[in-house]
Structures are given as C-alpha cells and as structure tokens.
Amino acid sequence: VQLVESGGGSVQTGGSLRLSCTVSGLTRNNYCMGWFRQVPANRREGVGVIDTNGGKSYTDSVRGRFTISRDNTKNELYLQMSSLKSEDAALYYCSRDFADWGQGTQVTVS
C-alpha cells in the first residue's frame, strides 16, 4: 500500500489550499481515511477523518474551515483548507485506517 500526498505549499494567512492523497496497492476502498499534521517537537495531531460511509469528524481547531472528502473511484482523499492561520502550518500526512501513512506534504502559512 502506498499513499502519496500533494498540494502543500506556502500561502498567506487567510488563504486556501487543497491537499490530495492518492492511495495505491489496494483492491478495495472500504477503509477509513484521515489527515494528520505535525510540527517539529510536537505530537502528530488528527485533523479530520472520513469513514467508509462518508461520515466526517474534525478536530475543534479546524472545524468550519477545513473540509475532508474522498473519491473512492479514484482512491483519493482530499483536504480543502480555508481561512488558514499561522498555527495551521505543519507537515500534513494522510493515513489509511491509521496503519498506512504517506510521507507528508508541507504547508506554510505566513
């Protein structure tokens, strides 16, 4: 199983970014997916999770600003981030069933 994130970059405060995660090596898509983030010296933090039925949950700090979605036909996961704040800057990872992880994509907010 391979997960590859993309879409990170540098954005000004208040701006938007859309992260993508492509999953390969699986023949089924009935798994939970999530976005996590980490800054140096901090623990990895859950950002948003989407289950197999499309149910979504978010950490309090991003609720109302971030939207997680998935396209099972493409085996892709997305994170639409809006109204970005400096504290959103981190390395963002996607995960499948909290077992498989990508390498991360960096988000910088200035």
N, C-alpha and C. Protein backbone atom coordinates (compact mmCIF):
# COMPACT_ATOMS: atom_id res chain seq x y z
N VAL A 1 0.86 -1.19 0.00
CA VAL A 1 0.00 0.00 0.00
C VAL A 1 0.89 1.24 0.00
N GLN A 2 0.55 2.18 -0.86
CA GLN A 2 1.33 3.42 -0.94
C GLN A 2 0.37 4.61 -0.89
N LEU A 3 0.73 5.59 -0.09
CA LEU A 3 -0.03 6.82 -0.01
C LEU A 3 0.89 7.98 -0.38
N VAL A 4 0.44 8.82 -1.27
CA VAL A 4 1.24 9.95 -1.72
C VAL A 4 0.42 11.23 -1.60
N GLU A 5 0.91 12.15 -0.77
CA GLU A 5 0.24 13.43 -0.60
C GLU A 5 0.79 14.45 -1.59
N SER A 6 -0.05 15.42 -1.91
CA SER A 6 0.37 16.53 -2.75
C SER A 6 -0.50 17.74 -2.44
N GLY A 7 -0.09 18.89 -2.95
CA GLY A 7 -0.90 20.09 -2.81
C GLY A 7 -0.43 21.06 -1.76
N GLY A 8 0.59 20.68 -0.99
CA GLY A 8 1.10 21.60 0.01
C GLY A 8 1.81 22.77 -0.64
N GLY A 9 2.12 23.75 0.17
CA GLY A 9 2.82 24.92 -0.34
C GLY A 9 2.79 26.05 0.66
N SER A 10 3.13 27.21 0.18
CA SER A 10 3.17 28.40 1.02
C SER A 10 1.99 29.30 0.68
N VAL A 11 1.31 29.77 1.70
CA VAL A 11 0.11 30.59 1.49
C VAL A 11 0.07 31.67 2.57
N GLN A 12 -0.55 32.77 2.25
CA GLN A 12 -0.70 33.84 3.22
C GLN A 12 -1.84 33.53 4.19
N THR A 13 -1.75 34.13 5.35
CA THR A 13 -2.82 33.99 6.33
C THR A 13 -4.16 34.38 5.69
N GLY A 14 -5.14 33.52 5.92
CA GLY A 14 -6.46 33.74 5.33
C GLY A 14 -6.65 33.06 3.99
N GLY A 15 -5.60 32.52 3.45
CA GLY A 15 -5.66 31.87 2.15
C GLY A 15 -6.18 30.45 2.23
N SER A 16 -6.15 29.78 1.07
CA SER A 16 -6.68 28.42 0.96
C SER A 16 -5.69 27.51 0.25
N LEU A 17 -5.80 26.24 0.56
CA LEU A 17 -5.04 25.20 -0.12
C LEU A 17 -5.90 23.95 -0.17
N ARG A 18 -5.64 23.12 -1.17
CA ARG A 18 -6.32 21.84 -1.26
C ARG A 18 -5.27 20.74 -1.33
N LEU A 19 -5.27 19.88 -0.34
CA LEU A 19 -4.36 18.76 -0.31
C LEU A 19 -5.03 17.53 -0.92
N SER A 20 -4.22 16.71 -1.55
CA SER A 20 -4.70 15.45 -2.12
C SER A 20 -3.85 14.31 -1.63
N CYS A 21 -4.44 13.14 -1.58
CA CYS A 21 -3.73 11.92 -1.19
C CYS A 21 -4.20 10.80 -2.10
N THR A 22 -3.27 10.19 -2.79
CA THR A 22 -3.59 9.09 -3.69
C THR A 22 -3.15 7.78 -3.05
N VAL A 23 -4.06 6.84 -3.00
CA VAL A 23 -3.79 5.53 -2.42
C VAL A 23 -3.66 4.51 -3.53
N SER A 24 -2.62 3.71 -3.48
CA SER A 24 -2.44 2.66 -4.47
C SER A 24 -2.09 1.36 -3.77
N GLY A 25 -2.31 0.26 -4.49
CA GLY A 25 -1.95 -1.04 -3.94
C GLY A 25 -3.07 -1.73 -3.20
N LEU A 26 -4.28 -1.19 -3.33
CA LEU A 26 -5.43 -1.80 -2.69
C LEU A 26 -6.49 -2.13 -3.74
N THR A 27 -7.23 -3.19 -3.47
CA THR A 27 -8.30 -3.57 -4.39
C THR A 27 -9.67 -3.26 -3.82
N ARG A 28 -9.72 -2.71 -2.64
CA ARG A 28 -10.98 -2.33 -2.01
C ARG A 28 -10.86 -0.90 -1.49
N ASN A 29 -11.99 -0.27 -1.20
CA ASN A 29 -11.94 1.09 -0.66
C ASN A 29 -12.79 1.24 0.59
N ASN A 30 -13.09 0.13 1.25
CA ASN A 30 -13.87 0.22 2.47
C ASN A 30 -12.95 0.38 3.68
N TYR A 31 -12.30 1.53 3.71
CA TYR A 31 -11.41 1.82 4.83
C TYR A 31 -11.57 3.28 5.22
N CYS A 32 -11.20 3.52 6.43
CA CYS A 32 -11.25 4.87 6.97
C CYS A 32 -10.01 5.63 6.53
N MET A 33 -10.18 6.91 6.25
CA MET A 33 -9.05 7.73 5.84
C MET A 33 -9.01 8.98 6.71
N GLY A 34 -7.82 9.49 6.88
CA GLY A 34 -7.70 10.69 7.70
C GLY A 34 -6.52 11.55 7.33
N TRP A 35 -6.61 12.79 7.74
CA TRP A 35 -5.50 13.73 7.61
C TRP A 35 -4.96 14.05 9.01
N PHE A 36 -3.65 14.10 9.10
CA PHE A 36 -2.97 14.41 10.34
C PHE A 36 -1.92 15.47 10.04
N ARG A 37 -1.45 16.13 11.08
CA ARG A 37 -0.39 17.10 10.87
C ARG A 37 0.57 17.10 12.06
N GLN A 38 1.77 17.55 11.77
CA GLN A 38 2.80 17.54 12.81
C GLN A 38 3.76 18.69 12.58
N VAL A 39 4.09 19.37 13.66
CA VAL A 39 5.15 20.36 13.63
C VAL A 39 6.29 19.82 14.47
N PRO A 40 7.52 20.26 14.21
CA PRO A 40 8.67 19.74 14.96
C PRO A 40 8.47 19.87 16.45
N ALA A 41 8.83 18.83 17.16
CA ALA A 41 8.77 18.76 18.62
C ALA A 41 7.36 18.56 19.15
N ASN A 42 6.38 18.48 18.27
CA ASN A 42 5.00 18.24 18.72
C ASN A 42 4.53 16.86 18.28
N ARG A 43 3.50 16.40 18.96
CA ARG A 43 2.91 15.13 18.57
C ARG A 43 2.10 15.28 17.29
N ARG A 44 1.95 14.19 16.58
CA ARG A 44 1.11 14.21 15.39
C ARG A 44 -0.33 14.39 15.83
N GLU A 45 -1.01 15.30 15.17
CA GLU A 45 -2.38 15.67 15.56
C GLU A 45 -3.36 15.26 14.47
N GLY A 46 -4.46 14.68 14.87
CA GLY A 46 -5.51 14.37 13.91
C GLY A 46 -6.22 15.64 13.47
N VAL A 47 -6.44 15.78 12.19
CA VAL A 47 -7.10 16.96 11.63
C VAL A 47 -8.54 16.63 11.25
N GLY A 48 -8.70 15.60 10.47
CA GLY A 48 -10.03 15.19 10.03
C GLY A 48 -10.02 13.75 9.60
N VAL A 49 -11.15 13.11 9.78
CA VAL A 49 -11.30 11.70 9.45
C VAL A 49 -12.60 11.52 8.67
N ILE A 50 -12.56 10.62 7.69
CA ILE A 50 -13.77 10.28 6.94
C ILE A 50 -13.88 8.77 6.90
N ASP A 51 -15.06 8.26 7.26
CA ASP A 51 -15.21 6.81 7.31
C ASP A 51 -15.73 6.27 5.99
N THR A 52 -16.01 4.98 5.99
CA THR A 52 -16.40 4.32 4.75
C THR A 52 -17.76 4.79 4.24
N ASN A 53 -18.58 5.31 5.14
CA ASN A 53 -19.92 5.80 4.76
C ASN A 53 -19.94 7.29 4.49
N GLY A 54 -18.77 7.92 4.53
CA GLY A 54 -18.71 9.36 4.29
C GLY A 54 -18.89 10.20 5.52
N GLY A 55 -19.03 9.57 6.67
CA GLY A 55 -19.12 10.31 7.91
C GLY A 55 -17.81 11.02 8.21
N LYS A 56 -17.90 12.27 8.67
CA LYS A 56 -16.70 13.08 8.86
C LYS A 56 -16.60 13.60 10.29
N SER A 57 -15.39 13.76 10.75
CA SER A 57 -15.15 14.41 12.03
C SER A 57 -13.88 15.23 11.91
N TYR A 58 -13.82 16.28 12.72
CA TYR A 58 -12.70 17.21 12.66
C TYR A 58 -12.23 17.57 14.07
N THR A 59 -10.97 17.92 14.16
CA THR A 59 -10.50 18.49 15.40
C THR A 59 -11.10 19.90 15.53
N ASP A 60 -11.30 20.33 16.76
CA ASP A 60 -12.01 21.59 17.00
C ASP A 60 -11.37 22.78 16.30
N SER A 61 -10.07 22.80 16.23
CA SER A 61 -9.37 23.97 15.72
C SER A 61 -9.57 24.20 14.22
N VAL A 62 -10.04 23.19 13.49
CA VAL A 62 -10.21 23.36 12.04
C VAL A 62 -11.66 23.26 11.61
N ARG A 63 -12.54 22.87 12.53
CA ARG A 63 -13.95 22.70 12.15
C ARG A 63 -14.51 24.01 11.63
N GLY A 64 -15.17 23.93 10.47
CA GLY A 64 -15.72 25.12 9.84
C GLY A 64 -14.78 25.76 8.84
N ARG A 65 -13.53 25.39 8.88
CA ARG A 65 -12.54 25.95 7.94
C ARG A 65 -12.00 24.89 6.99
N PHE A 66 -11.92 23.65 7.44
CA PHE A 66 -11.38 22.56 6.63
C PHE A 66 -12.51 21.59 6.27
N THR A 67 -12.39 21.01 5.10
CA THR A 67 -13.35 20.00 4.66
C THR A 67 -12.61 18.80 4.11
N ILE A 68 -12.91 17.64 4.67
CA ILE A 68 -12.31 16.40 4.18
C ILE A 68 -13.30 15.71 3.25
N SER A 69 -12.77 15.12 2.19
CA SER A 69 -13.63 14.40 1.25
C SER A 69 -12.82 13.29 0.61
N ARG A 70 -13.52 12.39 -0.07
CA ARG A 70 -12.83 11.29 -0.73
C ARG A 70 -13.54 10.95 -2.02
N ASP A 71 -12.78 10.42 -2.95
CA ASP A 71 -13.33 9.93 -4.21
C ASP A 71 -12.90 8.47 -4.32
N ASN A 72 -13.82 7.58 -3.99
CA ASN A 72 -13.49 6.16 -3.98
C ASN A 72 -13.22 5.61 -5.39
N THR A 73 -13.74 6.26 -6.40
CA THR A 73 -13.48 5.79 -7.77
C THR A 73 -12.04 6.05 -8.19
N LYS A 74 -11.43 7.04 -7.54
CA LYS A 74 -10.05 7.38 -7.85
C LYS A 74 -9.09 6.98 -6.74
N ASN A 75 -9.62 6.43 -5.65
CA ASN A 75 -8.81 6.11 -4.47
C ASN A 75 -8.04 7.35 -4.00
N GLU A 76 -8.75 8.45 -3.89
CA GLU A 76 -8.13 9.70 -3.48
C GLU A 76 -8.86 10.30 -2.28
N LEU A 77 -8.09 11.00 -1.50
CA LEU A 77 -8.56 11.71 -0.32
C LEU A 77 -8.16 13.17 -0.47
N TYR A 78 -9.03 14.07 -0.01
CA TYR A 78 -8.76 15.49 -0.14
C TYR A 78 -8.95 16.21 1.18
N LEU A 79 -8.27 17.35 1.28
CA LEU A 79 -8.49 18.24 2.41
C LEU A 79 -8.51 19.66 1.87
N GLN A 80 -9.69 20.25 1.84
CA GLN A 80 -9.82 21.64 1.45
C GLN A 80 -9.65 22.51 2.69
N MET A 81 -8.64 23.36 2.66
CA MET A 81 -8.32 24.19 3.81
C MET A 81 -8.56 25.65 3.44
N SER A 82 -9.34 26.33 4.25
CA SER A 82 -9.65 27.74 4.01
C SER A 82 -9.37 28.54 5.27
N SER A 83 -9.31 29.85 5.11
CA SER A 83 -9.05 30.75 6.25
C SER A 83 -7.86 30.27 7.07
N LEU A 84 -6.79 29.97 6.37
CA LEU A 84 -5.62 29.39 7.02
C LEU A 84 -5.00 30.37 8.01
N LYS A 85 -4.53 29.80 9.11
CA LYS A 85 -3.89 30.57 10.17
C LYS A 85 -2.44 30.10 10.31
N SER A 86 -1.65 30.90 10.98
CA SER A 86 -0.25 30.55 11.16
C SER A 86 -0.10 29.22 11.90
N GLU A 87 -1.04 28.95 12.80
CA GLU A 87 -0.95 27.70 13.57
C GLU A 87 -1.33 26.47 12.76
N ASP A 88 -1.80 26.66 11.53
CA ASP A 88 -2.08 25.52 10.65
C ASP A 88 -0.83 25.04 9.93
N ALA A 89 0.24 25.81 9.99
CA ALA A 89 1.47 25.41 9.32
C ALA A 89 2.01 24.13 9.94
N ALA A 90 2.26 23.14 9.09
CA ALA A 90 2.71 21.84 9.58
C ALA A 90 3.01 20.94 8.40
N LEU A 91 3.52 19.78 8.70
CA LEU A 91 3.64 18.71 7.71
C LEU A 91 2.37 17.88 7.80
N TYR A 92 1.65 17.80 6.70
CA TYR A 92 0.36 17.12 6.68
C TYR A 92 0.53 15.73 6.08
N TYR A 93 -0.04 14.76 6.79
CA TYR A 93 0.02 13.36 6.36
C TYR A 93 -1.40 12.84 6.12
N CYS A 94 -1.52 11.91 5.20
CA CYS A 94 -2.76 11.16 5.10
C CYS A 94 -2.50 9.74 5.60
N SER A 95 -3.57 9.12 6.04
CA SER A 95 -3.47 7.78 6.60
C SER A 95 -4.65 6.93 6.19
N ARG A 96 -4.40 5.66 5.98
CA ARG A 96 -5.45 4.69 5.71
C ARG A 96 -5.59 3.79 6.93
N ASP A 97 -6.75 3.84 7.52
CA ASP A 97 -7.03 3.01 8.69
C ASP A 97 -6.02 3.21 9.81
N PHE A 98 -5.36 4.35 9.83
CA PHE A 98 -4.38 4.70 10.87
C PHE A 98 -3.23 3.69 10.90
N ALA A 99 -3.05 2.99 9.81
CA ALA A 99 -2.00 1.98 9.74
C ALA A 99 -0.97 2.28 8.67
N ASP A 100 -1.44 2.77 7.54
CA ASP A 100 -0.55 3.14 6.44
C ASP A 100 -0.49 4.66 6.35
N TRP A 101 0.72 5.16 6.06
CA TRP A 101 0.93 6.61 6.08
C TRP A 101 1.71 7.05 4.85
N GLY A 102 1.43 8.28 4.42
CA GLY A 102 2.24 8.87 3.38
C GLY A 102 3.45 9.55 3.97
N GLN A 103 4.21 10.21 3.09
CA GLN A 103 5.44 10.89 3.51
C GLN A 103 5.18 12.32 3.95
N GLY A 104 4.02 12.83 3.64
CA GLY A 104 3.68 14.17 4.08
C GLY A 104 3.87 15.23 3.02
N THR A 105 3.11 16.30 3.17
CA THR A 105 3.25 17.47 2.31
C THR A 105 3.25 18.70 3.23
N GLN A 106 4.19 19.60 2.97
CA GLN A 106 4.41 20.73 3.87
C GLN A 106 3.45 21.88 3.55
N VAL A 107 2.86 22.42 4.60
CA VAL A 107 2.02 23.61 4.48
C VAL A 107 2.65 24.72 5.31
N THR A 108 2.92 25.84 4.66
CA THR A 108 3.50 27.00 5.32
C THR A 108 2.51 28.16 5.23
N VAL A 109 2.27 28.83 6.35
CA VAL A 109 1.34 29.96 6.37
C VAL A 109 2.08 31.17 6.95
N SER A 110 2.10 32.24 6.18
CA SER A 110 2.83 33.42 6.66
C SER A 110 2.02 34.70 6.44
